[in-house]
Amino acid sequence: MAALWEKYAYASKKDLLTWFDDLLLRIEQLEAYSEELLAPMSLWISGLFNPMSYLTAIMQVTARNEGLALDNMILRTTVLNIEKPKDI
């Protein structure tokens, strides 16, 4: 039988303590982003509740700002071996 909290939670295979720690990190990231509403230099993509929507929105905003066709937009990422976002 599923734990009572699981029906209210986002999908995860983590136990409650680990899930809650993860939730706090997600909230921290969202709060930091919402302060200025600027795309961050670094992002914990799996910490978003709907990463694909975020990536699509980034392409849409860029296409509008630059006057480019959305159909021609592609995502490009750079993976760095840096642990702390503030070090970027």
Protein backbone atom coordinates (compact mmCIF):
# COMPACT_ATOMS: atom_id res chain seq x y z
CA MET A 1 0.00 0.00 0.00
CA ALA A 2 1.31 3.41 -0.95
CA ALA A 3 2.18 5.82 1.82
CA LEU A 4 -0.42 8.52 2.44
CA TRP A 5 1.89 11.32 1.27
CA GLU A 6 2.56 9.69 -2.13
CA LYS A 7 -0.86 10.59 -3.56
CA TYR A 8 -0.09 14.30 -3.01
CA ALA A 9 3.51 14.21 -4.22
CA TYR A 10 5.12 14.50 -7.64
CA ALA A 11 6.29 11.19 -9.08
CA SER A 12 9.44 9.88 -7.43
CA LYS A 13 10.94 6.63 -6.25
CA LYS A 14 12.58 8.32 -3.28
CA ASP A 15 11.66 7.71 0.33
CA LEU A 16 9.86 10.52 2.16
CA LEU A 17 12.95 12.10 3.76
CA THR A 18 14.93 12.15 0.51
CA TRP A 19 11.86 13.33 -1.41
CA PHE A 20 11.35 16.21 1.04
CA ASP A 21 15.02 17.26 0.83
CA ASP A 22 14.65 17.25 -2.96
CA LEU A 23 11.47 19.33 -2.73
CA LEU A 24 13.24 21.95 -0.61
CA LEU A 25 16.03 22.22 -3.21
CA ARG A 26 13.44 22.62 -5.98
CA ILE A 27 11.70 25.38 -4.03
CA GLU A 28 15.03 27.12 -3.39
CA GLN A 29 15.82 27.09 -7.12
CA LEU A 30 12.37 28.44 -8.06
CA GLU A 31 12.58 31.20 -5.45
CA ALA A 32 16.01 32.28 -6.72
CA TYR A 33 14.71 32.35 -10.30
CA SER A 34 11.54 34.24 -9.40
CA GLU A 35 13.43 37.11 -7.75
CA GLU A 36 14.60 38.61 -11.05
CA LEU A 37 12.88 36.42 -13.68
CA LEU A 38 16.07 36.21 -15.71
CA ALA A 39 17.21 32.93 -17.18
CA PRO A 40 19.97 31.63 -14.90
CA MET A 41 23.47 30.86 -16.15
CA SER A 42 23.15 27.43 -14.58
CA LEU A 43 20.04 25.37 -13.93
CA TRP A 44 19.24 22.10 -12.21
CA ILE A 45 17.07 20.90 -15.09
CA SER A 46 15.84 17.74 -13.38
CA GLY A 47 14.80 19.90 -10.44
CA LEU A 48 12.08 21.50 -12.55
CA PHE A 49 8.61 20.01 -12.40
CA ASN A 50 8.22 20.27 -16.18
CA PRO A 51 11.65 20.71 -17.81
CA MET A 52 10.39 20.46 -21.40
CA SER A 53 8.03 23.40 -20.90
CA TYR A 54 10.90 25.50 -19.56
CA LEU A 55 13.12 24.64 -22.52
CA THR A 56 10.31 25.37 -24.98
CA ALA A 57 9.66 28.73 -23.31
CA ILE A 58 13.36 29.64 -23.58
CA MET A 59 13.24 28.95 -27.33
CA GLN A 60 10.00 30.94 -27.76
CA VAL A 61 11.32 33.98 -25.89
CA THR A 62 14.60 33.90 -27.81
CA ALA A 63 12.80 33.56 -31.15
CA ARG A 64 10.56 36.55 -30.37
CA ASN A 65 13.36 38.74 -29.05
CA GLU A 66 15.65 38.01 -31.99
CA GLY A 67 12.95 37.94 -34.68
CA LEU A 68 13.74 34.34 -35.60
CA ALA A 69 11.45 31.53 -36.70
CA LEU A 70 10.63 29.20 -33.81
CA ASP A 71 10.82 26.22 -36.16
CA ASN A 72 14.50 26.98 -36.76
CA MET A 73 15.39 27.17 -33.07
CA ILE A 74 17.49 24.44 -31.47
CA LEU A 75 18.66 23.93 -27.92
CA ARG A 76 22.36 23.92 -27.23
CA THR A 77 23.81 22.99 -23.87
CA THR A 78 27.27 23.05 -22.44
CA VAL A 79 28.08 20.53 -19.75
CA LEU A 80 30.77 21.70 -17.37
CA ASN A 81 32.46 19.93 -14.50
CA ILE A 82 31.56 22.61 -11.98
CA GLU A 83 29.71 21.69 -8.81
CA LYS A 84 28.45 25.06 -7.59
CA PRO A 85 26.46 27.38 -9.86
CA LYS A 86 28.05 30.45 -8.27
CA ASP A 87 31.42 29.29 -9.67
CA ILE A 88 30.26 29.84 -13.25
